[in-house]
Amino acid sequence: MLNALESLGLKDNTIVILLGDHGFFLVEFVDIYPTPCELAGLDLPYHLQGKSFVPLLNSPGESYARMPYDRLADPEENVNISEHSENERIIKELHYKLVIHLEKRDRIIQ
């Protein structure tokens, strides 16, 4: 798909988002919507609840203020699951994978 976007001259004006949580339910997809809006320079609607990932994309490895919640067990988002010791391994693994992905992205762009 990325090759097709490039060959059609659409690469520089396209945002590709690949989603998957592998059943861990650690990502709140409401945070996806503000990200392409910000990347495209669009104003965010007043009712928007999510938070853009653009700061995280621009500074890999920096902390991100939005914490992971288990929306099935905790729909009100009262319990930050990263603070539970049983989730420590998966949180570190996801963080590591994100940093590696962003580093690869930066090498490709350069």
PDB file of N, CA and C in Angstrom:
ATOM      1  N   MET A   1       0.815  -1.164   0.000  1.00  0.00           N
ATOM      2  CA  MET A   1       0.000   0.000   0.000  1.00  0.00           C
ATOM      3  C   MET A   1       0.876   1.251   0.000  1.00  0.00           C
ATOM      4  N   LEU A   2       1.917   1.254   0.819  1.00  0.00           N
ATOM      5  CA  LEU A   2       2.786   2.431   0.867  1.00  0.00           C
ATOM      6  C   LEU A   2       3.474   2.665  -0.472  1.00  0.00           C
ATOM      7  N   ASN A   3       3.880   1.591  -1.127  1.00  0.00           N
ATOM      8  CA  ASN A   3       4.492   1.732  -2.457  1.00  0.00           C
ATOM      9  C   ASN A   3       3.493   2.301  -3.458  1.00  0.00           C
ATOM     10  N   ALA A   4       2.250   1.854  -3.385  1.00  0.00           N
ATOM     11  CA  ALA A   4       1.215   2.358  -4.294  1.00  0.00           C
ATOM     12  C   ALA A   4       0.975   3.845  -4.043  1.00  0.00           C
ATOM     13  N   LEU A   5       0.933   4.258  -2.777  1.00  0.00           N
ATOM     14  CA  LEU A   5       0.753   5.675  -2.463  1.00  0.00           C
ATOM     15  C   LEU A   5       1.894   6.511  -3.036  1.00  0.00           C
ATOM     16  N   GLU A   6       3.103   5.976  -2.913  1.00  0.00           N
ATOM     17  CA  GLU A   6       4.258   6.699  -3.449  1.00  0.00           C
ATOM     18  C   GLU A   6       4.203   6.775  -4.970  1.00  0.00           C
ATOM     19  N   SER A   7       3.895   5.661  -5.629  1.00  0.00           N
ATOM     20  CA  SER A   7       3.860   5.662  -7.099  1.00  0.00           C
ATOM     21  C   SER A   7       2.746   6.547  -7.647  1.00  0.00           C
ATOM     22  N   LEU A   8       1.694   6.745  -6.877  1.00  0.00           N
ATOM     23  CA  LEU A   8       0.599   7.618  -7.304  1.00  0.00           C
ATOM     24  C   LEU A   8       0.820   9.075  -6.903  1.00  0.00           C
ATOM     25  N   GLY A   9       1.928   9.332  -6.234  1.00  0.00           N
ATOM     26  CA  GLY A   9       2.225  10.694  -5.814  1.00  0.00           C
ATOM     27  C   GLY A   9       1.377  11.155  -4.638  1.00  0.00           C
ATOM     28  N   LEU A  10       0.855  10.217  -3.871  1.00  0.00           N
ATOM     29  CA  LEU A  10      -0.027  10.550  -2.757  1.00  0.00           C
ATOM     30  C   LEU A  10       0.635  10.409  -1.389  1.00  0.00           C
ATOM     31  N   LYS A  11       1.863   9.932  -1.364  1.00  0.00           N
ATOM     32  CA  LYS A  11       2.538   9.630  -0.102  1.00  0.00           C
ATOM     33  C   LYS A  11       2.628  10.838   0.829  1.00  0.00           C
ATOM     34  N   ASP A  12       2.957  11.998   0.291  1.00  0.00           N
ATOM     35  CA  ASP A  12       3.170  13.170   1.130  1.00  0.00           C
ATOM     36  C   ASP A  12       1.878  13.777   1.665  1.00  0.00           C
ATOM     37  N   ASN A  13       0.742  13.364   1.107  1.00  0.00           N
ATOM     38  CA  ASN A  13      -0.544  13.906   1.545  1.00  0.00           C
ATOM     39  C   ASN A  13      -1.458  12.835   2.111  1.00  0.00           C
ATOM     40  N   THR A  14      -0.875  11.762   2.635  1.00  0.00           N
ATOM     41  CA  THR A  14      -1.661  10.646   3.154  1.00  0.00           C
ATOM     42  C   THR A  14      -1.169  10.262   4.546  1.00  0.00           C
ATOM     43  N   ILE A  15      -2.109   9.994   5.418  1.00  0.00           N
ATOM     44  CA  ILE A  15      -1.805   9.495   6.758  1.00  0.00           C
ATOM     45  C   ILE A  15      -2.289   8.057   6.813  1.00  0.00           C
ATOM     46  N   VAL A  16      -1.389   7.137   7.114  1.00  0.00           N
ATOM     47  CA  VAL A  16      -1.730   5.720   7.223  1.00  0.00           C
ATOM     48  C   VAL A  16      -1.709   5.343   8.700  1.00  0.00           C
ATOM     49  N   ILE A  17      -2.808   4.764   9.153  1.00  0.00           N
ATOM     50  CA  ILE A  17      -2.914   4.356  10.553  1.00  0.00           C
ATOM     51  C   ILE A  17      -3.206   2.868  10.585  1.00  0.00           C
ATOM     52  N   LEU A  18      -2.358   2.124  11.279  1.00  0.00           N
ATOM     53  CA  LEU A  18      -2.532   0.688  11.450  1.00  0.00           C
ATOM     54  C   LEU A  18      -2.848   0.443  12.918  1.00  0.00           C
ATOM     55  N   LEU A  19      -3.996  -0.178  13.175  1.00  0.00           N
ATOM     56  CA  LEU A  19      -4.439  -0.401  14.547  1.00  0.00           C
ATOM     57  C   LEU A  19      -4.477  -1.881  14.884  1.00  0.00           C
ATOM     58  N   GLY A  20      -4.189  -2.183  16.116  1.00  0.00           N
ATOM     59  CA  GLY A  20      -4.307  -3.539  16.631  1.00  0.00           C
ATOM     60  C   GLY A  20      -3.914  -3.551  18.087  1.00  0.00           C
ATOM     61  N   ASP A  21      -4.671  -4.253  18.896  1.00  0.00           N
ATOM     62  CA  ASP A  21      -4.307  -4.297  20.305  1.00  0.00           C
ATOM     63  C   ASP A  21      -4.046  -5.729  20.782  1.00  0.00           C
ATOM     64  N   HIS A  22      -4.135  -6.700  19.897  1.00  0.00           N
ATOM     65  CA  HIS A  22      -3.834  -8.098  20.210  1.00  0.00           C
ATOM     66  C   HIS A  22      -4.614  -8.623  21.408  1.00  0.00           C
ATOM     67  N   GLY A  23      -5.794  -8.038  21.647  1.00  0.00           N
ATOM     68  CA  GLY A  23      -6.644  -8.511  22.729  1.00  0.00           C
ATOM     69  C   GLY A  23      -6.298  -7.982  24.103  1.00  0.00           C
ATOM     70  N   PHE A  24      -5.305  -7.103  24.205  1.00  0.00           N
ATOM     71  CA  PHE A  24      -4.927  -6.578  25.516  1.00  0.00           C
ATOM     72  C   PHE A  24      -5.801  -5.396  25.933  1.00  0.00           C
ATOM     73  N   PHE A  25      -6.498  -4.770  24.994  1.00  0.00           N
ATOM     74  CA  PHE A  25      -7.367  -3.621  25.251  1.00  0.00           C
ATOM     75  C   PHE A  25      -6.618  -2.501  25.971  1.00  0.00           C
ATOM     76  N   LEU A  26      -5.383  -2.247  25.551  1.00  0.00           N
ATOM     77  CA  LEU A  26      -4.579  -1.224  26.217  1.00  0.00           C
ATOM     78  C   LEU A  26      -4.598   0.120  25.506  1.00  0.00           C
ATOM     79  N   VAL A  27      -5.242   0.197  24.365  1.00  0.00           N
ATOM     80  CA  VAL A  27      -5.254   1.451  23.619  1.00  0.00           C
ATOM     81  C   VAL A  27      -6.673   1.971  23.553  1.00  0.00           C
ATOM     82  N   GLU A  28      -6.847   3.232  23.835  1.00  0.00           N
ATOM     83  CA  GLU A  28      -8.146   3.879  23.727  1.00  0.00           C
ATOM     84  C   GLU A  28      -8.206   4.515  22.345  1.00  0.00           C
ATOM     85  N   PHE A  29      -8.997   3.921  21.459  1.00  0.00           N
ATOM     86  CA  PHE A  29      -9.009   4.374  20.072  1.00  0.00           C
ATOM     87  C   PHE A  29      -9.580   5.773  19.898  1.00  0.00           C
ATOM     88  N   VAL A  30     -10.224   6.312  20.923  1.00  0.00           N
ATOM     89  CA  VAL A  30     -10.700   7.691  20.830  1.00  0.00           C
ATOM     90  C   VAL A  30      -9.526   8.649  20.647  1.00  0.00           C
ATOM     91  N   ASP A  31      -8.325   8.221  21.057  1.00  0.00           N
ATOM     92  CA  ASP A  31      -7.140   9.065  20.895  1.00  0.00           C
ATOM     93  C   ASP A  31      -6.616   9.076  19.467  1.00  0.00           C
ATOM     94  N   ILE A  32      -7.128   8.219  18.617  1.00  0.00           N
ATOM     95  CA  ILE A  32      -6.665   8.202  17.234  1.00  0.00           C
ATOM     96  C   ILE A  32      -7.201   9.415  16.460  1.00  0.00           C
ATOM     97  N   TYR A  33      -8.451   9.731  16.631  1.00  0.00           N
ATOM     98  CA  TYR A  33      -9.090  10.796  15.854  1.00  0.00           C
ATOM     99  C   TYR A  33      -8.357  12.145  15.904  1.00  0.00           C
ATOM    100  N   PRO A  34      -7.928  12.625  17.083  1.00  0.00           N
ATOM    101  CA  PRO A  34      -7.254  13.923  17.109  1.00  0.00           C
ATOM    102  C   PRO A  34      -5.907  13.932  16.390  1.00  0.00           C
ATOM    103  N   THR A  35      -5.276  12.783  16.271  1.00  0.00           N
ATOM    104  CA  THR A  35      -3.941  12.730  15.672  1.00  0.00           C
ATOM    105  C   THR A  35      -3.939  13.110  14.196  1.00  0.00           C
ATOM    106  N   PRO A  36      -4.738  12.466  13.331  1.00  0.00           N
ATOM    107  CA  PRO A  36      -4.739  12.910  11.929  1.00  0.00           C
ATOM    108  C   PRO A  36      -5.274  14.328  11.765  1.00  0.00           C
ATOM    109  N   CYS A  37      -6.187  14.733  12.652  1.00  0.00           N
ATOM    110  CA  CYS A  37      -6.667  16.120  12.584  1.00  0.00           C
ATOM    111  C   CYS A  37      -5.515  17.089  12.778  1.00  0.00           C
ATOM    112  N   GLU A  38      -4.710  16.832  13.810  1.00  0.00           N
ATOM    113  CA  GLU A  38      -3.574  17.712  14.076  1.00  0.00           C
ATOM    114  C   GLU A  38      -2.548  17.650  12.950  1.00  0.00           C
ATOM    115  N   LEU A  39      -2.271  16.441  12.460  1.00  0.00           N
ATOM    116  CA  LEU A  39      -1.301  16.296  11.366  1.00  0.00           C
ATOM    117  C   LEU A  39      -1.755  17.031  10.109  1.00  0.00           C
ATOM    118  N   ALA A  40      -3.075  17.074   9.888  1.00  0.00           N
ATOM    119  CA  ALA A  40      -3.616  17.750   8.704  1.00  0.00           C
ATOM    120  C   ALA A  40      -3.847  19.238   8.937  1.00  0.00           C
ATOM    121  N   GLY A  41      -3.586  19.703  10.155  1.00  0.00           N
ATOM    122  CA  GLY A  41      -3.763  21.123  10.453  1.00  0.00           C
ATOM    123  C   GLY A  41      -5.218  21.531  10.630  1.00  0.00           C
ATOM    124  N   LEU A  42      -6.077  20.569  10.953  1.00  0.00           N
ATOM    125  CA  LEU A  42      -7.496  20.862  11.142  1.00  0.00           C
ATOM    126  C   LEU A  42      -7.783  21.251  12.585  1.00  0.00           C
ATOM    127  N   ASP A  43      -8.756  22.120  12.782  1.00  0.00           N
ATOM    128  CA  ASP A  43      -9.189  22.453  14.132  1.00  0.00           C
ATOM    129  C   ASP A  43      -9.906  21.251  14.730  1.00  0.00           C
ATOM    130  N   LEU A  44      -9.688  21.020  16.007  1.00  0.00           N
ATOM    131  CA  LEU A  44     -10.342  19.907  16.689  1.00  0.00           C
ATOM    132  C   LEU A  44     -11.728  20.342  17.150  1.00  0.00           C
ATOM    133  N   PRO A  45     -12.721  19.490  16.979  1.00  0.00           N
ATOM    134  CA  PRO A  45     -14.065  19.835  17.449  1.00  0.00           C
ATOM    135  C   PRO A  45     -14.084  20.062  18.962  1.00  0.00           C
ATOM    136  N   TYR A  46     -14.943  20.933  19.428  1.00  0.00           N
ATOM    137  CA  TYR A  46     -15.000  21.264  20.853  1.00  0.00           C
ATOM    138  C   TYR A  46     -15.349  20.065  21.732  1.00  0.00           C
ATOM    139  N   HIS A  47     -16.119  19.115  21.198  1.00  0.00           N
ATOM    140  CA  HIS A  47     -16.584  17.971  21.980  1.00  0.00           C
ATOM    141  C   HIS A  47     -15.577  16.816  22.030  1.00  0.00           C
ATOM    142  N   LEU A  48     -14.450  16.987  21.389  1.00  0.00           N
ATOM    143  CA  LEU A  48     -13.484  15.902  21.283  1.00  0.00           C
ATOM    144  C   LEU A  48     -12.922  15.512  22.643  1.00  0.00           C
ATOM    145  N   GLN A  49     -12.921  14.210  22.929  1.00  0.00           N
ATOM    146  CA  GLN A  49     -12.418  13.726  24.208  1.00  0.00           C
ATOM    147  C   GLN A  49     -10.979  13.233  24.115  1.00  0.00           C
ATOM    148  N   GLY A  50     -10.552  12.790  22.971  1.00  0.00           N
ATOM    149  CA  GLY A  50      -9.239  12.182  22.823  1.00  0.00           C
ATOM    150  C   GLY A  50      -8.105  13.191  22.843  1.00  0.00           C
ATOM    151  N   LYS A  51      -6.908  12.652  22.869  1.00  0.00           N
ATOM    152  CA  LYS A  51      -5.700  13.471  22.891  1.00  0.00           C
ATOM    153  C   LYS A  51      -4.793  13.018  21.744  1.00  0.00           C
ATOM    154  N   SER A  52      -4.259  13.957  21.011  1.00  0.00           N
ATOM    155  CA  SER A  52      -3.410  13.660  19.859  1.00  0.00           C
ATOM    156  C   SER A  52      -2.118  12.964  20.278  1.00  0.00           C
ATOM    157  N   PHE A  53      -1.680  12.019  19.439  1.00  0.00           N
ATOM    158  CA  PHE A  53      -0.410  11.330  19.642  1.00  0.00           C
ATOM    159  C   PHE A  53       0.762  12.067  18.976  1.00  0.00           C
ATOM    160  N   VAL A  54       0.505  13.213  18.350  1.00  0.00           N
ATOM    161  CA  VAL A  54       1.569  13.920  17.625  1.00  0.00           C
ATOM    162  C   VAL A  54       2.772  14.236  18.514  1.00  0.00           C
ATOM    163  N   PRO A  55       2.592  14.698  19.748  1.00  0.00           N
ATOM    164  CA  PRO A  55       3.782  14.936  20.588  1.00  0.00           C
ATOM    165  C   PRO A  55       4.617  13.668  20.787  1.00  0.00           C
ATOM    166  N   LEU A  56       3.955  12.537  20.910  1.00  0.00           N
ATOM    167  CA  LEU A  56       4.664  11.274  21.068  1.00  0.00           C
ATOM    168  C   LEU A  56       5.385  10.881  19.782  1.00  0.00           C
ATOM    169  N   LEU A  57       4.766  11.142  18.629  1.00  0.00           N
ATOM    170  CA  LEU A  57       5.406  10.847  17.347  1.00  0.00           C
ATOM    171  C   LEU A  57       6.643  11.713  17.127  1.00  0.00           C
ATOM    172  N   ASN A  58       6.570  12.953  17.595  1.00  0.00           N
ATOM    173  CA  ASN A  58       7.686  13.884  17.416  1.00  0.00           C
ATOM    174  C   ASN A  58       8.817  13.668  18.416  1.00  0.00           C
ATOM    175  N   SER A  59       8.517  13.053  19.554  1.00  0.00           N
ATOM    176  CA  SER A  59       9.525  12.840  20.598  1.00  0.00           C
ATOM    177  C   SER A  59       9.426  11.418  21.147  1.00  0.00           C
ATOM    178  N   PRO A  60       9.883  10.432  20.372  1.00  0.00           N
ATOM    179  CA  PRO A  60       9.827   9.043  20.854  1.00  0.00           C
ATOM    180  C   PRO A  60      10.560   8.898  22.184  1.00  0.00           C
ATOM    181  N   GLY A  61      10.008   8.110  23.061  1.00  0.00           N
ATOM    182  CA  GLY A  61      10.637   7.886  24.351  1.00  0.00           C
ATOM    183  C   GLY A  61      10.171   8.839  25.428  1.00  0.00           C
ATOM    184  N   GLU A  62       9.531   9.951  25.043  1.00  0.00           N
ATOM    185  CA  GLU A  62       8.996  10.877  26.036  1.00  0.00           C
ATOM    186  C   GLU A  62       7.764  10.256  26.676  1.00  0.00           C
ATOM    187  N   SER A  63       7.476  10.662  27.899  1.00  0.00           N
ATOM    188  CA  SER A  63       6.284  10.142  28.548  1.00  0.00           C
ATOM    189  C   SER A  63       5.049  10.763  27.903  1.00  0.00           C
ATOM    190  N   TYR A  64       3.974  10.047  27.981  1.00  0.00           N
ATOM    191  CA  TYR A  64       2.710  10.476  27.393  1.00  0.00           C
ATOM    192  C   TYR A  64       1.702  10.573  28.527  1.00  0.00           C
ATOM    193  N   ALA A  65       1.074  11.706  28.676  1.00  0.00           N
ATOM    194  CA  ALA A  65       0.221  11.957  29.835  1.00  0.00           C
ATOM    195  C   ALA A  65      -0.993  11.031  29.906  1.00  0.00           C
ATOM    196  N   ARG A  66      -1.450  10.540  28.809  1.00  0.00           N
ATOM    197  CA  ARG A  66      -2.632   9.660  28.814  1.00  0.00           C
ATOM    198  C   ARG A  66      -2.196   8.251  29.204  1.00  0.00           C
ATOM    199  N   MET A  67      -2.789   7.700  30.202  1.00  0.00           N
ATOM    200  CA  MET A  67      -2.398   6.392  30.704  1.00  0.00           C
ATOM    201  C   MET A  67      -3.352   5.314  30.208  1.00  0.00           C
ATOM    202  N   PRO A  68      -2.903   4.065  30.163  1.00  0.00           N
ATOM    203  CA  PRO A  68      -3.757   2.972  29.682  1.00  0.00           C
ATOM    204  C   PRO A  68      -4.784   2.535  30.726  1.00  0.00           C
ATOM    205  N   TYR A  69      -5.980   2.263  30.238  1.00  0.00           N
ATOM    206  CA  TYR A  69      -7.068   1.778  31.081  1.00  0.00           C
ATOM    207  C   TYR A  69      -7.688   0.561  30.421  1.00  0.00           C
ATOM    208  N   ASP A  70      -8.295  -0.286  31.218  1.00  0.00           N
ATOM    209  CA  ASP A  70      -9.035  -1.436  30.713  1.00  0.00           C
ATOM    210  C   ASP A  70     -10.493  -1.010  30.597  1.00  0.00           C
ATOM    211  N   ARG A  71     -10.899  -0.667  29.371  1.00  0.00           N
ATOM    212  CA  ARG A  71     -12.255  -0.134  29.166  1.00  0.00           C
ATOM    213  C   ARG A  71     -13.340  -1.168  29.443  1.00  0.00           C
ATOM    214  N   LEU A  72     -13.027  -2.461  29.348  1.00  0.00           N
ATOM    215  CA  LEU A  72     -14.036  -3.479  29.635  1.00  0.00           C
ATOM    216  C   LEU A  72     -14.289  -3.590  31.137  1.00  0.00           C
ATOM    217  N   ALA A  73     -13.222  -3.669  31.910  1.00  0.00           N
ATOM    218  CA  ALA A  73     -13.354  -3.818  33.356  1.00  0.00           C
ATOM    219  C   ALA A  73     -13.578  -2.486  34.065  1.00  0.00           C
ATOM    220  N   ASP A  74     -13.165  -1.393  33.436  1.00  0.00           N
ATOM    221  CA  ASP A  74     -13.205  -0.080  34.075  1.00  0.00           C
ATOM    222  C   ASP A  74     -13.647   0.987  33.068  1.00  0.00           C
ATOM    223  N   PRO A  75     -14.935   0.977  32.662  1.00  0.00           N
ATOM    224  CA  PRO A  75     -15.384   1.922  31.630  1.00  0.00           C
ATOM    225  C   PRO A  75     -15.277   3.390  32.036  1.00  0.00           C
ATOM    226  N   GLU A  76     -15.214   3.670  33.327  1.00  0.00           N
ATOM    227  CA  GLU A  76     -15.082   5.055  33.791  1.00  0.00           C
ATOM    228  C   GLU A  76     -13.630   5.523  33.848  1.00  0.00           C
ATOM    229  N   GLU A  77     -12.691   4.646  33.514  1.00  0.00           N
ATOM    230  CA  GLU A  77     -11.253   4.949  33.515  1.00  0.00           C
ATOM    231  C   GLU A  77     -10.780   5.479  34.862  1.00  0.00           C
ATOM    232  N   ASN A  78     -11.084   4.750  35.911  1.00  0.00           N
ATOM    233  CA  ASN A  78     -10.652   5.136  37.251  1.00  0.00           C
ATOM    234  C   ASN A  78      -9.347   4.486  37.671  1.00  0.00           C
ATOM    235  N   VAL A  79      -8.989   3.380  37.032  1.00  0.00           N
ATOM    236  CA  VAL A  79      -7.815   2.618  37.444  1.00  0.00           C
ATOM    237  C   VAL A  79      -6.795   2.579  36.306  1.00  0.00           C
ATOM    238  N   ASN A  80      -5.656   3.187  36.526  1.00  0.00           N
ATOM    239  CA  ASN A  80      -4.563   3.187  35.558  1.00  0.00           C
ATOM    240  C   ASN A  80      -3.891   1.817  35.619  1.00  0.00           C
ATOM    241  N   ILE A  81      -4.057   1.000  34.572  1.00  0.00           N
ATOM    242  CA  ILE A  81      -3.547  -0.369  34.641  1.00  0.00           C
ATOM    243  C   ILE A  81      -2.024  -0.448  34.606  1.00  0.00           C
ATOM    244  N   SER A  82      -1.357   0.623  34.192  1.00  0.00           N
ATOM    245  CA  SER A  82       0.106   0.577  34.184  1.00  0.00           C
ATOM    246  C   SER A  82       0.670   0.608  35.600  1.00  0.00           C
ATOM    247  N   GLU A  83      -0.157   0.952  36.570  1.00  0.00           N
ATOM    248  CA  GLU A  83       0.295   0.988  37.959  1.00  0.00           C
ATOM    249  C   GLU A  83       0.169  -0.371  38.646  1.00  0.00           C
ATOM    250  N   HIS A  84      -0.378  -1.362  37.964  1.00  0.00           N
ATOM    251  CA  HIS A  84      -0.534  -2.694  38.548  1.00  0.00           C
ATOM    252  C   HIS A  84       0.670  -3.554  38.166  1.00  0.00           C
ATOM    253  N   SER A  85       1.268  -4.187  39.141  1.00  0.00           N
ATOM    254  CA  SER A  85       2.484  -4.956  38.896  1.00  0.00           C
ATOM    255  C   SER A  85       2.277  -6.074  37.881  1.00  0.00           C
ATOM    256  N   GLU A  86       1.075  -6.658  37.814  1.00  0.00           N
ATOM    257  CA  GLU A  86       0.839  -7.739  36.854  1.00  0.00           C
ATOM    258  C   GLU A  86       0.849  -7.247  35.404  1.00  0.00           C
ATOM    259  N   ASN A  87       0.755  -5.938  35.190  1.00  0.00           N
ATOM    260  CA  ASN A  87       0.781  -5.380  33.833  1.00  0.00           C
ATOM    261  C   ASN A  87       2.136  -4.778  33.466  1.00  0.00           C
ATOM    262  N   GLU A  88       3.071  -4.791  34.379  1.00  0.00           N
ATOM    263  CA  GLU A  88       4.361  -4.136  34.168  1.00  0.00           C
ATOM    264  C   GLU A  88       5.078  -4.652  32.916  1.00  0.00           C
ATOM    265  N   ARG A  89       5.096  -5.976  32.740  1.00  0.00           N
ATOM    266  CA  ARG A  89       5.802  -6.557  31.596  1.00  0.00           C
ATOM    267  C   ARG A  89       5.190  -6.097  30.276  1.00  0.00           C
ATOM    268  N   ILE A  90       3.868  -6.145  30.144  1.00  0.00           N
ATOM    269  CA  ILE A  90       3.236  -5.772  28.879  1.00  0.00           C
ATOM    270  C   ILE A  90       3.376  -4.276  28.609  1.00  0.00           C
ATOM    271  N   ILE A  91       3.324  -3.445  29.638  1.00  0.00           N
ATOM    272  CA  ILE A  91       3.501  -2.003  29.453  1.00  0.00           C
ATOM    273  C   ILE A  91       4.915  -1.722  28.941  1.00  0.00           C
ATOM    274  N   LYS A  92       5.913  -2.353  29.539  1.00  0.00           N
ATOM    275  CA  LYS A  92       7.298  -2.164  29.085  1.00  0.00           C
ATOM    276  C   LYS A  92       7.484  -2.677  27.661  1.00  0.00           C
ATOM    277  N   GLU A  93       6.868  -3.821  27.369  1.00  0.00           N
ATOM    278  CA  GLU A  93       6.983  -4.394  26.022  1.00  0.00           C
ATOM    279  C   GLU A  93       6.339  -3.483  24.973  1.00  0.00           C
ATOM    280  N   LEU A  94       5.165  -2.951  25.279  1.00  0.00           N
ATOM    281  CA  LEU A  94       4.503  -2.049  24.340  1.00  0.00           C
ATOM    282  C   LEU A  94       5.301  -0.762  24.147  1.00  0.00           C
ATOM    283  N   HIS A  95       5.846  -0.236  25.227  1.00  0.00           N
ATOM    284  CA  HIS A  95       6.671   0.968  25.137  1.00  0.00           C
ATOM    285  C   HIS A  95       7.904   0.705  24.267  1.00  0.00           C
ATOM    286  N   TYR A  96       8.562  -0.427  24.504  1.00  0.00           N
ATOM    287  CA  TYR A  96       9.747  -0.795  23.730  1.00  0.00           C
ATOM    288  C   TYR A  96       9.400  -0.913  22.245  1.00  0.00           C
ATOM    289  N   LYS A  97       8.294  -1.598  21.939  1.00  0.00           N
ATOM    290  CA  LYS A  97       7.887  -1.769  20.536  1.00  0.00           C
ATOM    291  C   LYS A  97       7.588  -0.433  19.881  1.00  0.00           C
ATOM    292  N   LEU A  98       6.965   0.475  20.617  1.00  0.00           N
ATOM    293  CA  LEU A  98       6.665   1.794  20.063  1.00  0.00           C
ATOM    294  C   LEU A  98       7.946   2.570  19.766  1.00  0.00           C
ATOM    295  N   VAL A  99       8.887   2.544  20.694  1.00  0.00           N
ATOM    296  CA  VAL A  99      10.148   3.260  20.492  1.00  0.00           C
ATOM    297  C   VAL A  99      10.901   2.689  19.289  1.00  0.00           C
ATOM    298  N   ILE A 100      10.978   1.365  19.181  1.00  0.00           N
ATOM    299  CA  ILE A 100      11.656   0.727  18.042  1.00  0.00           C
ATOM    300  C   ILE A 100      10.970   1.112  16.742  1.00  0.00           C
ATOM    301  N   HIS A 101       9.638   1.075  16.726  1.00  0.00           N
ATOM    302  CA  HIS A 101       8.893   1.437  15.518  1.00  0.00           C
ATOM    303  C   HIS A 101       9.179   2.887  15.106  1.00  0.00           C
ATOM    304  N   LEU A 102       9.169   3.796  16.070  1.00  0.00           N
ATOM    305  CA  LEU A 102       9.405   5.202  15.753  1.00  0.00           C
ATOM    306  C   LEU A 102      10.838   5.436  15.284  1.00  0.00           C
ATOM    307  N   GLU A 103      11.790   4.720  15.856  1.00  0.00           N
ATOM    308  CA  GLU A 103      13.177   4.838  15.394  1.00  0.00           C
ATOM    309  C   GLU A 103      13.311   4.338  13.956  1.00  0.00           C
ATOM    310  N   LYS A 104      12.658   3.225  13.630  1.00  0.00           N
ATOM    311  CA  LYS A 104      12.679   2.711  12.251  1.00  0.00           C
ATOM    312  C   LYS A 104      12.030   3.704  11.301  1.00  0.00           C
ATOM    313  N   ARG A 105      10.908   4.285  11.735  1.00  0.00           N
ATOM    314  CA  ARG A 105      10.215   5.280  10.912  1.00  0.00           C
ATOM    315  C   ARG A 105      11.139   6.458  10.612  1.00  0.00           C
ATOM    316  N   ASP A 106      11.858   6.921  11.628  1.00  0.00           N
ATOM    317  CA  ASP A 106      12.759   8.051  11.436  1.00  0.00           C
ATOM    318  C   ASP A 106      13.882   7.711  10.460  1.00  0.00           C
ATOM    319  N   ARG A 107      14.408   6.471  10.514  1.00  0.00           N
ATOM    320  CA  ARG A 107      15.460   6.071   9.574  1.00  0.00           C
ATOM    321  C   ARG A 107      14.919   6.014   8.150  1.00  0.00           C
ATOM    322  N   ILE A 108      13.700   5.541   7.985  1.00  0.00           N
ATOM    323  CA  ILE A 108      13.082   5.467   6.655  1.00  0.00           C
ATOM    324  C   ILE A 108      12.871   6.860   6.086  1.00  0.00           C
ATOM    325  N   ILE A 109      12.411   7.771   6.927  1.00  0.00           N
ATOM    326  CA  ILE A 109      12.142   9.144   6.477  1.00  0.00           C
ATOM    327  C   ILE A 109      13.424   9.841   6.050  1.00  0.00           C
ATOM    328  N   GLN A 110      14.510   9.580   6.803  1.00  0.00           N
ATOM    329  CA  GLN A 110      15.791  10.233   6.477  1.00  0.00           C
ATOM    330  C   GLN A 110      16.346   9.622   5.211  1.00  0.00           C
TER     331      GLN A 110
END
